[in-house]
Protein backbone atom coordinates (compact mmCIF):
# COMPACT_ATOMS: atom_id res chain seq x y z
CA UNK A 1 112.33 71.45 -144.50
CA UNK A 2 112.88 69.19 -147.56
CA UNK A 3 115.39 69.62 -150.08
CA UNK A 4 113.95 71.38 -153.27
CA UNK A 5 117.31 72.06 -155.43
CA UNK A 6 117.57 71.00 -158.61
CA UNK A 7 119.34 67.99 -159.86
CA UNK A 8 122.92 68.04 -159.33
CA UNK A 9 123.65 66.20 -162.80
CA UNK A 10 122.25 67.98 -165.87
CA UNK A 11 120.37 64.83 -167.49
CA UNK A 12 120.58 64.59 -171.70
CA UNK A 13 116.69 63.71 -173.00
CA UNK A 14 117.20 60.88 -175.36
CA UNK A 15 116.75 62.15 -179.08
CA UNK A 16 114.30 59.49 -180.12
CA UNK A 17 111.92 60.38 -177.62
CA UNK A 18 112.21 64.37 -177.54
CA UNK A 19 113.62 65.06 -180.84
CA UNK A 20 111.49 63.25 -183.23
CA UNK A 21 110.42 64.76 -186.69
CA UNK A 22 106.84 66.06 -186.59
CA UNK A 23 105.28 66.54 -189.70
CA UNK A 24 101.72 67.59 -188.96
CA UNK A 25 99.55 67.83 -186.23
CA UNK A 26 96.53 65.35 -187.30
CA UNK A 27 97.81 62.63 -184.75
CA UNK A 28 98.20 64.96 -182.05
CA UNK A 29 95.04 66.05 -182.44
CA UNK A 30 93.25 62.35 -182.75
CA UNK A 31 95.27 61.83 -179.47
CA UNK A 32 93.98 64.62 -177.62
CA UNK A 33 90.55 64.34 -178.88
CA UNK A 34 90.61 60.50 -178.02
CA UNK A 35 91.49 61.57 -174.13
CA UNK A 36 88.55 63.87 -174.32
CA UNK A 37 86.52 61.34 -175.49
CA UNK A 38 87.25 58.48 -173.31
CA UNK A 39 86.66 60.79 -170.23
CA UNK A 40 83.09 61.87 -171.25
CA UNK A 41 80.11 60.17 -169.39
CA UNK A 42 76.93 59.73 -170.70
CA UNK A 43 75.13 61.63 -168.29
CA UNK A 44 72.25 63.41 -170.09
CA UNK A 45 69.18 61.41 -170.73
CA UNK A 46 65.58 62.29 -171.99
CA UNK A 47 62.05 60.77 -171.64
CA UNK A 48 60.38 59.45 -174.28
CA UNK A 49 56.40 59.16 -175.00
CA UNK A 50 55.76 56.64 -172.62
CA UNK A 51 57.81 58.24 -169.86
CA UNK A 52 56.28 61.60 -169.69
CA UNK A 53 54.04 62.14 -166.62
CA UNK A 54 50.30 62.76 -167.62
CA UNK A 55 48.42 62.36 -171.29
CA UNK A 56 46.32 59.85 -170.56
CA UNK A 57 43.23 61.35 -171.60
CA UNK A 58 42.62 62.02 -175.44
CA UNK A 59 42.89 65.92 -175.77
CA UNK A 60 39.43 65.80 -177.68
CA UNK A 61 37.10 63.86 -179.44
CA UNK A 62 38.14 61.76 -182.78
CA UNK A 63 35.59 63.45 -185.08
CA UNK A 64 33.63 66.23 -185.67
CA UNK A 65 35.99 69.10 -184.47
CA UNK A 66 37.67 69.88 -187.51
CA UNK A 67 41.18 69.70 -186.00
CA UNK A 68 43.82 66.67 -186.22
CA UNK A 69 42.89 63.64 -184.55
CA UNK A 70 45.53 63.18 -181.41
CA UNK A 71 45.46 60.50 -178.73
CA UNK A 72 47.90 61.93 -176.04
CA UNK A 73 49.36 65.51 -175.14
CA UNK A 74 52.48 64.07 -174.89
CA UNK A 75 52.81 63.21 -178.50
CA UNK A 76 56.56 64.29 -179.26
CA UNK A 77 55.34 67.05 -181.45
CA UNK A 78 53.47 68.84 -178.54
CA UNK A 79 54.80 71.29 -176.06
CA UNK A 80 55.54 68.96 -173.05
CA UNK A 81 55.43 65.84 -174.90
CA UNK A 82 57.91 63.16 -175.21
CA UNK A 83 61.57 63.57 -177.25
CA UNK A 84 62.17 61.78 -180.06
CA UNK A 85 65.81 60.57 -180.65
CA UNK A 86 66.95 62.09 -177.58
CA UNK A 87 70.01 60.61 -175.39
CA UNK A 88 69.22 57.79 -173.28
CA UNK A 89 72.41 57.58 -171.38
CA UNK A 90 73.92 54.50 -173.05
CA UNK A 91 75.73 56.28 -175.52
CA UNK A 92 79.40 55.02 -176.12
CA UNK A 93 81.59 58.42 -176.96
CA UNK A 94 84.94 56.33 -176.81
CA UNK A 95 87.49 56.90 -179.72
CA UNK A 96 90.20 54.09 -180.01
CA UNK A 97 93.61 54.72 -180.51
CA UNK A 98 96.14 52.15 -181.39
CA UNK A 99 99.21 51.61 -178.88
CA UNK A 100 101.64 52.38 -181.40
CA UNK A 101 99.82 55.87 -182.71
CA UNK A 102 99.44 56.79 -179.00
CA UNK A 103 103.22 56.45 -178.30
CA UNK A 104 104.03 58.49 -181.41
CA UNK A 105 101.79 60.88 -180.72
CA UNK A 106 103.14 61.28 -176.76
CA UNK A 107 106.87 61.36 -178.43
CA UNK A 108 105.30 64.26 -181.04
CA UNK A 109 103.99 66.07 -177.97
CA UNK A 110 107.23 65.75 -176.01
CA UNK A 111 109.49 66.86 -178.65
CA UNK A 112 107.08 69.91 -179.33
CA UNK A 113 107.20 70.77 -175.51
CA UNK A 114 111.13 70.74 -175.85
CA UNK A 115 111.46 72.81 -178.42
CA UNK A 116 109.58 75.55 -176.84
CA UNK A 117 111.41 74.99 -173.36
CA UNK A 118 108.55 73.58 -171.40
CA UNK A 119 110.41 70.93 -170.01
CA UNK A 120 112.84 70.73 -167.41
CA UNK A 121 114.33 67.73 -165.20
CA UNK A 122 114.30 68.55 -161.84
CA UNK A 123 113.91 65.79 -158.61
CA UNK A 124 111.81 67.05 -156.13
CA UNK A 125 111.66 65.72 -152.51
CA UNK A 126 108.99 66.61 -149.72
CA UNK A 127 107.91 65.57 -146.70
CA UNK A 128 104.39 66.01 -147.67
CA UNK A 129 104.01 69.57 -147.05
CA UNK A 130 102.03 72.36 -149.17
CA UNK A 131 104.59 74.69 -148.94
CA UNK A 132 107.48 72.95 -149.95
CA UNK A 133 105.86 72.18 -153.25
CA UNK A 134 105.66 76.32 -153.35
CA UNK A 135 108.88 77.23 -152.47
CA UNK A 136 110.00 74.78 -155.39
CA UNK A 137 107.75 76.25 -157.88
CA UNK A 138 109.10 79.55 -156.90
CA UNK A 139 112.96 78.46 -156.67
CA UNK A 140 112.77 76.86 -160.22
CA UNK A 141 110.36 80.03 -161.61
CA UNK A 142 107.68 77.59 -162.33
CA UNK A 143 104.69 79.51 -162.87
CA UNK A 144 101.10 78.99 -164.28
CA UNK A 145 100.09 75.25 -164.90
CA UNK A 146 102.78 72.66 -164.04
CA UNK A 147 102.72 69.00 -164.94
CA UNK A 148 105.12 66.94 -162.70
CA UNK A 149 106.10 63.77 -164.03
CA UNK A 150 107.56 60.97 -161.24
CA UNK A 151 108.63 57.44 -161.51
CA UNK A 152 105.97 56.57 -158.62
CA UNK A 153 103.43 58.64 -156.67
CA UNK A 154 104.08 58.49 -153.32
CA UNK A 155 102.10 59.62 -150.33
CA UNK A 156 104.34 62.23 -149.50
CA UNK A 157 104.08 63.67 -153.28
CA UNK A 158 100.34 63.57 -153.18
CA UNK A 159 99.96 65.50 -149.81
CA UNK A 160 102.17 67.89 -151.14
CA UNK A 161 100.41 68.46 -154.54
CA UNK A 162 96.81 67.91 -154.28
CA UNK A 163 95.94 71.10 -152.56
CA UNK A 164 97.31 72.86 -155.39
CA UNK A 165 95.24 74.16 -158.49
CA UNK A 166 98.13 74.67 -161.12
CA UNK A 167 99.71 71.43 -160.29
CA UNK A 168 99.28 68.16 -161.40
CA UNK A 169 101.05 65.30 -160.33
CA UNK A 170 101.51 62.03 -162.85
CA UNK A 171 103.28 58.87 -162.95
CA UNK A 172 105.67 58.77 -165.95
CA UNK A 173 103.74 55.40 -167.61
CA UNK A 174 100.44 57.78 -167.34
CA UNK A 175 101.68 60.55 -169.24
CA UNK A 176 98.83 61.66 -172.05
CA UNK A 177 99.21 64.23 -174.79
CA UNK A 178 96.34 66.07 -173.29
CA UNK A 179 98.00 66.87 -170.36
CA UNK A 180 101.50 67.38 -171.92
CA UNK A 181 100.07 70.07 -174.11
CA UNK A 182 97.99 72.24 -171.50
CA UNK A 183 101.00 72.57 -169.11
CA UNK A 184 102.74 75.57 -169.33
CA UNK A 185 105.74 73.60 -167.61
CA UNK A 186 106.66 70.18 -167.62
CA UNK A 187 108.82 68.73 -164.65
CA UNK A 188 110.54 65.55 -165.04
CA UNK A 189 112.27 63.80 -162.38
CA UNK A 190 115.40 62.19 -163.12
CA UNK A 191 114.28 58.56 -162.79
CA UNK A 192 111.05 59.40 -164.81
CA UNK A 193 113.22 60.21 -168.09
CA UNK A 194 114.34 56.41 -168.13
CA UNK A 195 110.59 55.10 -167.80
CA UNK A 196 109.33 57.30 -170.59
CA UNK A 197 112.17 56.12 -172.61
CA UNK A 198 111.62 52.40 -172.10
CA UNK A 199 107.82 52.80 -172.57
CA UNK A 200 107.38 54.75 -175.68
CA UNK A 201 110.61 53.58 -177.45
CA UNK A 202 111.47 50.07 -176.26
CA UNK A 203 107.47 49.11 -176.26
CA UNK A 204 107.57 49.60 -180.29
CA UNK A 205 110.40 46.70 -180.76
């Protein structure tokens, strides 16, 4: 059985990342919405008048009926007709956010999580068994949605966490505001703390 004990040394989280000032949540909302928008795919598509099957025959003659003239039963204002201005499958839903804004939003999300005691620093070693992850979570009282942040996704870590719906494994330099906010507990490995600091602080210099 792999060693799933707590990290022997207590890690002090860098204040420039985990203790920043959060005056409002507007930037956090923008980063959260940006992640969802950029993950969205334009899968919906509708048929226009010329793409709907049928409608080749004129419904009734042009004159003499007392009714309005119509050339096709696939007219958009008819039931079963084409769709006007519907989605075509080529829509672009992405929302751009500058790199600096993303880093500020991540620092704010980590700060709020740290204040609410959602963040713990633990090193998890495994041979690739799901049971080892379950024991690790139970031993450290990590319940519900757990975000595990590591310096590198090893094959053993992937095998040990892939089958657990409440566990999400991410590399430190791929953190997102969306995952941090939605997690009930954020587990940082010792090495990931330095990577996060270099990424979110060193990158602004």
